[in-house]
């Protein structure tokens, strides 16, 4: 199952949290602008480290 919610594509995924099986929405793509702390950023769908999930735009 895949849905689009204002600016983000979400896919349902089954996972295990604290030993309990759950279904959760996982972001699989982004559209339009995204912001963090009032600054425009580029969210990344996946990475090996949490800090690599967001790319900040260089000031020009």
PDB file of N, CA and C in Angstrom:
ATOM      1  N   UNK A   1       0.848  -1.164   0.000  1.00  0.00           N
ATOM      2  CA  UNK A   1       0.000   0.000   0.000  1.00  0.00           C
ATOM      3  C   UNK A   1       0.897   1.231   0.000  1.00  0.00           C
ATOM      4  N   UNK A   2       0.606   2.205  -0.867  1.00  0.00           N
ATOM      5  CA  UNK A   2       1.379   3.442  -0.978  1.00  0.00           C
ATOM      6  C   UNK A   2       0.403   4.593  -1.056  1.00  0.00           C
ATOM      7  N   UNK A   3       0.618   5.653  -0.255  1.00  0.00           N
ATOM      8  CA  UNK A   3      -0.235   6.840  -0.306  1.00  0.00           C
ATOM      9  C   UNK A   3       0.636   8.077  -0.460  1.00  0.00           C
ATOM     10  N   UNK A   4       0.025   9.195  -0.866  1.00  0.00           N
ATOM     11  CA  UNK A   4       0.701  10.484  -0.941  1.00  0.00           C
ATOM     12  C   UNK A   4       0.014  11.409   0.044  1.00  0.00           C
ATOM     13  N   UNK A   5       0.798  12.065   0.899  1.00  0.00           N
ATOM     14  CA  UNK A   5       0.259  12.985   1.894  1.00  0.00           C
ATOM     15  C   UNK A   5       1.017  14.290   1.803  1.00  0.00           C
ATOM     16  N   UNK A   6       0.395  15.344   1.359  1.00  0.00           N
ATOM     17  CA  UNK A   6       0.985  16.659   1.162  1.00  0.00           C
ATOM     18  C   UNK A   6       2.507  16.682   1.268  1.00  0.00           C
ATOM     19  N   UNK A   7       3.149  16.408   0.184  1.00  0.00           N
ATOM     20  CA  UNK A   7       4.599  16.531   0.087  1.00  0.00           C
ATOM     21  C   UNK A   7       5.396  15.275   0.338  1.00  0.00           C
ATOM     22  N   UNK A   8       4.754  14.161   0.713  1.00  0.00           N
ATOM     23  CA  UNK A   8       5.524  12.950   1.003  1.00  0.00           C
ATOM     24  C   UNK A   8       4.754  11.713   0.545  1.00  0.00           C
ATOM     25  N   UNK A   9       5.485  10.785  -0.055  1.00  0.00           N
ATOM     26  CA  UNK A   9       4.913   9.495  -0.407  1.00  0.00           C
ATOM     27  C   UNK A   9       5.171   8.548   0.755  1.00  0.00           C
ATOM     28  N   UNK A  10       4.136   7.834   1.195  1.00  0.00           N
ATOM     29  CA  UNK A  10       4.237   6.927   2.335  1.00  0.00           C
ATOM     30  C   UNK A  10       3.883   5.504   1.904  1.00  0.00           C
ATOM     31  N   UNK A  11       4.645   4.557   2.409  1.00  0.00           N
ATOM     32  CA  UNK A  11       4.385   3.152   2.117  1.00  0.00           C
ATOM     33  C   UNK A  11       4.222   2.414   3.442  1.00  0.00           C
ATOM     34  N   UNK A  12       3.258   1.496   3.500  1.00  0.00           N
ATOM     35  CA  UNK A  12       3.074   0.732   4.725  1.00  0.00           C
ATOM     36  C   UNK A  12       4.133  -0.370   4.794  1.00  0.00           C
ATOM     37  N   UNK A  13       4.707  -0.551   5.969  1.00  0.00           N
ATOM     38  CA  UNK A  13       5.732  -1.561   6.201  1.00  0.00           C
ATOM     39  C   UNK A  13       5.434  -2.289   7.498  1.00  0.00           C
ATOM     40  N   UNK A  14       5.649  -3.595   7.515  1.00  0.00           N
ATOM     41  CA  UNK A  14       5.519  -4.367   8.746  1.00  0.00           C
ATOM     42  C   UNK A  14       6.885  -4.408   9.416  1.00  0.00           C
ATOM     43  N   UNK A  15       6.920  -4.146  10.723  1.00  0.00           N
ATOM     44  CA  UNK A  15       8.181  -4.140  11.453  1.00  0.00           C
ATOM     45  C   UNK A  15       7.945  -4.671  12.862  1.00  0.00           C
ATOM     46  N   UNK A  16       9.027  -4.898  13.588  1.00  0.00           N
ATOM     47  CA  UNK A  16       8.935  -5.354  14.966  1.00  0.00           C
ATOM     48  C   UNK A  16       9.510  -4.260  15.861  1.00  0.00           C
ATOM     49  N   UNK A  17       8.684  -3.733  16.770  1.00  0.00           N
ATOM     50  CA  UNK A  17       9.081  -2.693  17.704  1.00  0.00           C
ATOM     51  C   UNK A  17       8.898  -3.242  19.109  1.00  0.00           C
ATOM     52  N   UNK A  18       9.981  -3.278  19.880  1.00  0.00           N
ATOM     53  CA  UNK A  18       9.929  -3.821  21.247  1.00  0.00           C
ATOM     54  C   UNK A  18       9.299  -5.212  21.283  1.00  0.00           C
ATOM     55  N   UNK A  19       9.657  -6.030  20.291  1.00  0.00           N
ATOM     56  CA  UNK A  19       9.179  -7.403  20.244  1.00  0.00           C
ATOM     57  C   UNK A  19       7.746  -7.572  19.769  1.00  0.00           C
ATOM     58  N   UNK A  20       7.083  -6.488  19.371  1.00  0.00           N
ATOM     59  CA  UNK A  20       5.692  -6.538  18.932  1.00  0.00           C
ATOM     60  C   UNK A  20       5.592  -6.182  17.448  1.00  0.00           C
ATOM     61  N   UNK A  21       4.932  -7.027  16.671  1.00  0.00           N
ATOM     62  CA  UNK A  21       4.764  -6.781  15.243  1.00  0.00           C
ATOM     63  C   UNK A  21       3.766  -5.645  15.038  1.00  0.00           C
ATOM     64  N   UNK A  22       4.136  -4.665  14.211  1.00  0.00           N
ATOM     65  CA  UNK A  22       3.287  -3.509  13.927  1.00  0.00           C
ATOM     66  C   UNK A  22       3.374  -3.159  12.449  1.00  0.00           C
ATOM     67  N   UNK A  23       2.379  -2.447  11.962  1.00  0.00           N
ATOM     68  CA  UNK A  23       2.441  -1.847  10.632  1.00  0.00           C
ATOM     69  C   UNK A  23       2.625  -0.350  10.829  1.00  0.00           C
ATOM     70  N   UNK A  24       3.540   0.233  10.074  1.00  0.00           N
ATOM     71  CA  UNK A  24       3.832   1.674  10.179  1.00  0.00           C
ATOM     72  C   UNK A  24       3.978   2.259   8.793  1.00  0.00           C
ATOM     73  N   UNK A  25       3.764   3.570   8.699  1.00  0.00           N
ATOM     74  CA  UNK A  25       4.012   4.287   7.451  1.00  0.00           C
ATOM     75  C   UNK A  25       5.477   4.679   7.401  1.00  0.00           C
ATOM     76  N   UNK A  26       6.105   4.489   6.245  1.00  0.00           N
ATOM     77  CA  UNK A  26       7.501   4.847   6.027  1.00  0.00           C
ATOM     78  C   UNK A  26       7.566   5.778   4.824  1.00  0.00           C
ATOM     79  N   UNK A  27       8.272   6.907   4.964  1.00  0.00           N
ATOM     80  CA  UNK A  27       8.425   7.849   3.850  1.00  0.00           C
ATOM     81  C   UNK A  27       9.305   7.220   2.777  1.00  0.00           C
ATOM     82  N   UNK A  28       8.819   7.215   1.530  1.00  0.00           N
ATOM     83  CA  UNK A  28       9.599   6.651   0.424  1.00  0.00           C
ATOM     84  C   UNK A  28       9.975   7.688  -0.620  1.00  0.00           C
ATOM     85  N   UNK A  29       9.471   8.908  -0.488  1.00  0.00           N
ATOM     86  CA  UNK A  29       9.816   9.971  -1.423  1.00  0.00           C
ATOM     87  C   UNK A  29       9.226  11.292  -0.956  1.00  0.00           C
ATOM     88  N   UNK A  30       9.827  12.392  -1.390  1.00  0.00           N
ATOM     89  CA  UNK A  30       9.381  13.723  -0.983  1.00  0.00           C
ATOM     90  C   UNK A  30       9.156  14.593  -2.202  1.00  0.00           C
ATOM     91  N   UNK A  31       8.230  15.542  -2.088  1.00  0.00           N
ATOM     92  CA  UNK A  31       7.898  16.459  -3.164  1.00  0.00           C
ATOM     93  C   UNK A  31       7.744  17.854  -2.563  1.00  0.00           C
ATOM     94  N   UNK A  32       8.069  18.882  -3.305  1.00  0.00           N
ATOM     95  CA  UNK A  32       7.979  20.261  -2.832  1.00  0.00           C
ATOM     96  C   UNK A  32       9.036  20.547  -1.764  1.00  0.00           C
ATOM     97  N   UNK A  33       8.933  21.707  -1.131  1.00  0.00           N
ATOM     98  CA  UNK A  33       9.928  22.137  -0.165  1.00  0.00           C
ATOM     99  C   UNK A  33       9.749  21.436   1.182  1.00  0.00           C
ATOM    100  N   UNK A  34      10.867  21.238   1.886  1.00  0.00           N
ATOM    101  CA  UNK A  34      10.854  20.712   3.254  1.00  0.00           C
ATOM    102  C   UNK A  34      11.698  21.646   4.104  1.00  0.00           C
ATOM    103  N   UNK A  35      11.322  21.791   5.363  1.00  0.00           N
ATOM    104  CA  UNK A  35      12.003  22.741   6.247  1.00  0.00           C
ATOM    105  C   UNK A  35      12.331  22.090   7.586  1.00  0.00           C
ATOM    106  N   UNK A  36      13.423  22.533   8.187  1.00  0.00           N
ATOM    107  CA  UNK A  36      13.803  22.135   9.533  1.00  0.00           C
ATOM    108  C   UNK A  36      14.315  23.377  10.243  1.00  0.00           C
ATOM    109  N   UNK A  37      13.710  23.708  11.371  1.00  0.00           N
ATOM    110  CA  UNK A  37      14.073  24.921  12.121  1.00  0.00           C
ATOM    111  C   UNK A  37      14.000  26.171  11.246  1.00  0.00           C
ATOM    112  N   UNK A  38      13.005  26.200  10.357  1.00  0.00           N
ATOM    113  CA  UNK A  38      12.780  27.365   9.515  1.00  0.00           C
ATOM    114  C   UNK A  38      13.681  27.472   8.296  1.00  0.00           C
ATOM    115  N   UNK A  39      14.584  26.507   8.089  1.00  0.00           N
ATOM    116  CA  UNK A  39      15.491  26.549   6.942  1.00  0.00           C
ATOM    117  C   UNK A  39      15.146  25.420   5.977  1.00  0.00           C
ATOM    118  N   UNK A  40      15.223  25.746   4.671  1.00  0.00           N
ATOM    119  CA  UNK A  40      14.904  24.741   3.653  1.00  0.00           C
ATOM    120  C   UNK A  40      15.956  23.639   3.652  1.00  0.00           C
ATOM    121  N   UNK A  41      15.480  22.393   3.598  1.00  0.00           N
ATOM    122  CA  UNK A  41      16.381  21.234   3.588  1.00  0.00           C
ATOM    123  C   UNK A  41      15.909  20.252   2.516  1.00  0.00           C
ATOM    124  N   UNK A  42      16.747  19.285   2.218  1.00  0.00           N
ATOM    125  CA  UNK A  42      16.424  18.215   1.295  1.00  0.00           C
ATOM    126  C   UNK A  42      16.413  16.909   2.083  1.00  0.00           C
ATOM    127  N   UNK A  43      15.220  16.355   2.397  1.00  0.00           N
ATOM    128  CA  UNK A  43      15.185  15.094   3.134  1.00  0.00           C
ATOM    129  C   UNK A  43      15.605  13.935   2.235  1.00  0.00           C
ATOM    130  N   UNK A  44      16.335  12.989   2.796  1.00  0.00           N
ATOM    131  CA  UNK A  44      16.810  11.810   2.082  1.00  0.00           C
ATOM    132  C   UNK A  44      15.992  10.617   2.568  1.00  0.00           C
ATOM    133  N   UNK A  45      15.557   9.752   1.667  1.00  0.00           N
ATOM    134  CA  UNK A  45      14.666   8.649   2.025  1.00  0.00           C
ATOM    135  C   UNK A  45      15.316   7.627   2.952  1.00  0.00           C
ATOM    136  N   UNK A  46      16.615   7.395   2.820  1.00  0.00           N
ATOM    137  CA  UNK A  46      17.291   6.419   3.679  1.00  0.00           C
ATOM    138  C   UNK A  46      18.771   6.754   3.795  1.00  0.00           C
ATOM    139  N   UNK A  47      19.386   6.319   4.878  1.00  0.00           N
ATOM    140  CA  UNK A  47      20.825   6.476   5.063  1.00  0.00           C
ATOM    141  C   UNK A  47      21.276   5.515   6.157  1.00  0.00           C
ATOM    142  N   UNK A  48      22.564   5.356   6.296  1.00  0.00           N
ATOM    143  CA  UNK A  48      23.101   4.486   7.339  1.00  0.00           C
ATOM    144  C   UNK A  48      23.230   5.217   8.673  1.00  0.00           C
ATOM    145  N   UNK A  49      23.223   6.574   8.624  1.00  0.00           N
ATOM    146  CA  UNK A  49      23.321   7.379   9.846  1.00  0.00           C
ATOM    147  C   UNK A  49      22.196   8.408   9.874  1.00  0.00           C
ATOM    148  N   UNK A  50      21.651   8.648  11.068  1.00  0.00           N
ATOM    149  CA  UNK A  50      20.533   9.588  11.218  1.00  0.00           C
ATOM    150  C   UNK A  50      20.887  10.974  10.697  1.00  0.00           C
ATOM    151  N   UNK A  51      22.110  11.444  10.966  1.00  0.00           N
ATOM    152  CA  UNK A  51      22.479  12.801  10.542  1.00  0.00           C
ATOM    153  C   UNK A  51      22.560  12.952   9.019  1.00  0.00           C
ATOM    154  N   UNK A  52      22.597  11.827   8.280  1.00  0.00           N
ATOM    155  CA  UNK A  52      22.639  11.892   6.818  1.00  0.00           C
ATOM    156  C   UNK A  52      21.249  11.870   6.188  1.00  0.00           C
ATOM    157  N   UNK A  53      20.189  11.862   7.001  1.00  0.00           N
ATOM    158  CA  UNK A  53      18.824  11.863   6.474  1.00  0.00           C
ATOM    159  C   UNK A  53      18.385  13.235   5.980  1.00  0.00           C
ATOM    160  N   UNK A  54      19.150  14.273   6.296  1.00  0.00           N
ATOM    161  CA  UNK A  54      18.809  15.638   5.896  1.00  0.00           C
ATOM    162  C   UNK A  54      20.038  16.290   5.278  1.00  0.00           C
ATOM    163  N   UNK A  55      19.855  16.884   4.104  1.00  0.00           N
ATOM    164  CA  UNK A  55      20.923  17.658   3.469  1.00  0.00           C
ATOM    165  C   UNK A  55      20.502  19.116   3.486  1.00  0.00           C
ATOM    166  N   UNK A  56      21.352  19.967   4.006  1.00  0.00           N
ATOM    167  CA  UNK A  56      21.057  21.393   4.057  1.00  0.00           C
ATOM    168  C   UNK A  56      21.573  22.041   2.776  1.00  0.00           C
ATOM    169  N   UNK A  57      20.838  23.027   2.293  1.00  0.00           N
ATOM    170  CA  UNK A  57      21.259  23.749   1.094  1.00  0.00           C
ATOM    171  C   UNK A  57      22.334  24.756   1.458  1.00  0.00           C
ATOM    172  N   UNK A  58      23.329  24.891   0.580  1.00  0.00           N
ATOM    173  CA  UNK A  58      24.374  25.892   0.784  1.00  0.00           C
ATOM    174  C   UNK A  58      23.793  27.285   0.592  1.00  0.00           C
ATOM    175  N   UNK A  59      24.246  28.230   1.393  1.00  0.00           N
ATOM    176  CA  UNK A  59      23.832  29.630   1.198  1.00  0.00           C
ATOM    177  C   UNK A  59      24.480  30.162  -0.047  1.00  0.00           C
ATOM    178  N   UNK A  60      23.727  30.908  -0.842  1.00  0.00           N
ATOM    179  CA  UNK A  60      24.265  31.482  -2.085  1.00  0.00           C
ATOM    180  C   UNK A  60      24.172  32.968  -2.054  1.00  0.00           C
TER     181      UNK A  60
END
